[in-house]
Amino acid sequence: MKPTAASAGAVRPLTGRLAGARLLVAALWAGSLWVLGYLAAPAAFAVLPSNLAGDLVAVLLTRQAWLAFSCAALLLVLLRFATDLEPPRRRFLHLLVLAMLACALVIHVGLQPAMAGLRELAGPAGVRASPYWTQFAVMHGASQLFHLAESLLGAFLVLKSR
């Protein structure tokens, strides 16, 4: 059955809303990465003792990870129903979302728990004063690299979602 002019007109606003929703969710995810990684975490370490700043940033990172997982799920659903995108572009955006999700999972499931374990083993003196400092620093550096990769992929996702 051919779509009528009235039904075609009804589809266009919905398509526009879905495209807008994709852009909004991508911007929320990327923005949360940028704010936490490049504003909030450095500010926390600038004004709080290292142990307290580490505790605060760990909580913020956990919350940001759950936001990332939610945004990824929502974007995958929105991309599944994206009638305004050609299949190659949809696949490309799909891969960007999956790459960002992989970065978030590596950080949240792999590196953060291991770093928290080392902080706990270090005791009240802190990880810097413990024999675990080198191992912690390597994991922290890897975490920063994955955060940077996720942030850059997020910028690309926002630009390509338009």
Protein backbone atom coordinates (compact mmCIF):
# COMPACT_ATOMS: atom_id res chain seq x y z
CA MET A 1 0.00 0.00 0.00
CA LYS A 2 1.43 3.38 -1.01
CA PRO A 3 1.80 6.00 1.71
CA THR A 4 -0.53 8.93 1.31
CA ALA A 5 0.56 12.55 1.57
CA ALA A 6 -1.01 12.73 5.02
CA SER A 7 0.80 9.62 6.32
CA ALA A 8 4.12 10.74 4.78
CA GLY A 9 3.72 14.07 6.56
CA ALA A 10 3.17 12.26 9.85
CA VAL A 11 6.36 10.19 9.39
CA ARG A 12 8.64 13.19 8.79
CA PRO A 13 8.07 14.83 12.19
CA LEU A 14 8.66 11.50 13.94
CA THR A 15 11.86 10.96 11.95
CA GLY A 16 13.00 14.45 12.89
CA ARG A 17 12.27 13.80 16.54
CA LEU A 18 14.19 10.52 16.48
CA ALA A 19 17.16 12.24 14.83
CA GLY A 20 16.98 14.98 17.46
CA ALA A 21 16.81 12.38 20.22
CA ARG A 22 19.89 10.62 18.82
CA LEU A 23 21.83 13.88 18.82
CA LEU A 24 20.66 14.77 22.33
CA VAL A 25 21.63 11.37 23.77
CA ALA A 26 25.02 11.47 22.01
CA ALA A 27 25.64 14.99 23.36
CA LEU A 28 24.62 13.92 26.89
CA TRP A 29 27.01 10.97 26.82
CA ALA A 30 29.93 12.89 25.33
CA GLY A 31 29.28 15.92 27.52
CA SER A 32 29.29 13.81 30.67
CA LEU A 33 32.68 12.43 29.69
CA TRP A 34 34.10 15.88 29.02
CA VAL A 35 32.75 17.47 32.19
CA LEU A 36 33.84 14.66 34.47
CA GLY A 37 37.23 13.95 32.93
CA TYR A 38 38.40 17.43 32.12
CA LEU A 39 36.64 19.65 34.67
CA ALA A 40 35.26 17.84 37.73
CA ALA A 41 38.06 15.33 38.38
CA PRO A 42 40.91 17.86 38.05
CA ALA A 43 38.97 20.32 40.22
CA ALA A 44 38.42 17.68 42.91
CA PHE A 45 42.13 16.89 43.04
CA ALA A 46 42.97 20.60 43.11
CA VAL A 47 40.92 21.37 46.24
CA LEU A 48 40.62 18.10 48.19
CA PRO A 49 43.20 15.81 49.78
CA SER A 50 44.19 13.06 47.38
CA ASN A 51 42.31 10.27 49.22
CA LEU A 52 39.07 12.27 49.38
CA ALA A 53 39.38 13.43 45.79
CA GLY A 54 39.96 9.83 44.70
CA ASP A 55 36.85 8.69 46.58
CA LEU A 56 34.73 11.47 45.05
CA VAL A 57 35.98 10.85 41.52
CA ALA A 58 35.41 7.10 41.91
CA VAL A 59 31.74 7.75 42.77
CA LEU A 60 31.40 10.18 39.87
CA LEU A 61 33.00 7.70 37.48
CA THR A 62 30.60 4.97 38.58
CA ARG A 63 27.61 7.24 37.98
CA GLN A 64 29.00 8.35 34.64
CA ALA A 65 29.51 4.70 33.62
CA TRP A 66 25.85 3.92 34.30
CA LEU A 67 24.89 6.98 32.28
CA ALA A 68 27.13 5.71 29.47
CA PHE A 69 25.52 2.27 29.54
CA SER A 70 22.06 3.84 29.43
CA CYS A 71 23.00 6.19 26.59
CA ALA A 72 24.54 3.33 24.62
CA ALA A 73 21.40 1.20 24.98
CA LEU A 74 19.14 4.08 24.00
CA LEU A 75 21.31 5.03 21.03
CA LEU A 76 21.37 1.44 19.78
CA VAL A 77 17.58 1.36 19.90
CA LEU A 78 17.30 4.76 18.20
CA LEU A 79 19.71 3.66 15.49
CA ARG A 80 17.76 0.46 14.96
CA PHE A 81 14.66 2.49 14.08
CA ALA A 82 16.48 5.28 12.20
CA THR A 83 14.72 5.54 8.84
CA ASP A 84 16.50 8.79 8.02
CA LEU A 85 19.96 7.17 7.80
CA GLU A 86 21.42 5.23 4.92
CA PRO A 87 22.54 1.72 5.99
CA PRO A 88 26.30 2.46 5.75
CA ARG A 89 25.96 5.55 7.94
CA ARG A 90 23.74 3.69 10.42
CA ARG A 91 26.35 0.89 10.66
CA PHE A 92 29.11 3.47 11.18
CA LEU A 93 27.20 5.18 14.01
CA HIS A 94 26.40 1.76 15.46
CA LEU A 95 30.12 0.92 15.51
CA LEU A 96 30.96 4.26 17.15
CA VAL A 97 28.45 3.57 19.91
CA LEU A 98 29.82 0.04 20.41
CA ALA A 99 33.41 1.36 20.53
CA MET A 100 32.44 3.93 23.16
CA LEU A 101 30.59 1.25 25.10
CA ALA A 102 33.65 -1.00 24.97
CA CYS A 103 35.79 1.81 26.42
CA ALA A 104 33.25 2.38 29.21
CA LEU A 105 33.15 -1.33 30.02
CA VAL A 106 36.94 -1.66 30.14
CA ILE A 107 37.11 1.28 32.55
CA HIS A 108 34.13 0.40 34.74
CA VAL A 109 34.34 -3.40 34.81
CA GLY A 110 38.09 -3.89 34.46
CA LEU A 111 40.22 -1.00 35.59
CA GLN A 112 38.14 0.78 38.26
CA PRO A 113 37.56 -2.30 40.43
CA ALA A 114 41.24 -3.23 40.23
CA MET A 115 42.28 0.30 41.15
CA ALA A 116 39.80 0.36 44.04
CA GLY A 117 41.27 -2.91 45.29
CA LEU A 118 44.76 -1.44 45.25
CA ARG A 119 43.55 1.66 47.11
CA GLU A 120 42.00 -0.58 49.74
CA LEU A 121 45.17 -2.66 50.08
CA ALA A 122 47.19 0.52 50.49
CA GLY A 123 45.28 1.46 53.64
CA PRO A 124 44.84 4.87 55.22
CA ALA A 125 48.29 6.13 54.18
CA GLY A 126 47.10 6.14 50.60
CA VAL A 127 48.19 4.40 47.46
CA ARG A 128 51.04 6.84 46.78
CA ALA A 129 52.77 5.76 49.98
CA SER A 130 52.31 2.06 49.29
CA PRO A 131 54.18 -0.58 47.31
CA TYR A 132 51.14 -0.68 44.99
CA TRP A 133 51.77 2.80 43.62
CA THR A 134 53.43 1.71 40.36
CA GLN A 135 50.71 -0.81 39.57
CA PHE A 136 48.03 1.76 40.41
CA ALA A 137 49.71 4.42 38.27
CA VAL A 138 49.86 2.07 35.26
CA MET A 139 46.17 1.22 35.63
CA HIS A 140 45.30 4.88 36.10
CA GLY A 141 47.20 5.75 32.94
CA ALA A 142 45.38 3.04 31.01
CA SER A 143 42.07 4.30 32.39
CA GLN A 144 42.93 7.83 31.24
CA LEU A 145 43.74 6.55 27.75
CA PHE A 146 40.42 4.73 27.51
CA HIS A 147 38.63 7.83 28.80
CA LEU A 148 40.40 9.96 26.19
CA ALA A 149 39.48 7.47 23.45
CA GLU A 150 35.84 7.42 24.60
CA SER A 151 35.81 11.23 24.73
CA LEU A 152 37.18 11.57 21.21
CA LEU A 153 34.78 8.94 19.90
CA GLY A 154 32.02 10.87 21.65
CA ALA A 155 32.97 14.07 19.84
CA PHE A 156 32.93 12.17 16.57
CA LEU A 157 29.56 10.61 17.44
CA VAL A 158 28.04 14.03 18.13
CA LEU A 159 29.38 15.44 14.88
CA LYS A 160 28.26 12.45 12.82
CA SER A 161 24.85 12.17 14.51
CA ARG A 162 23.67 15.45 12.99
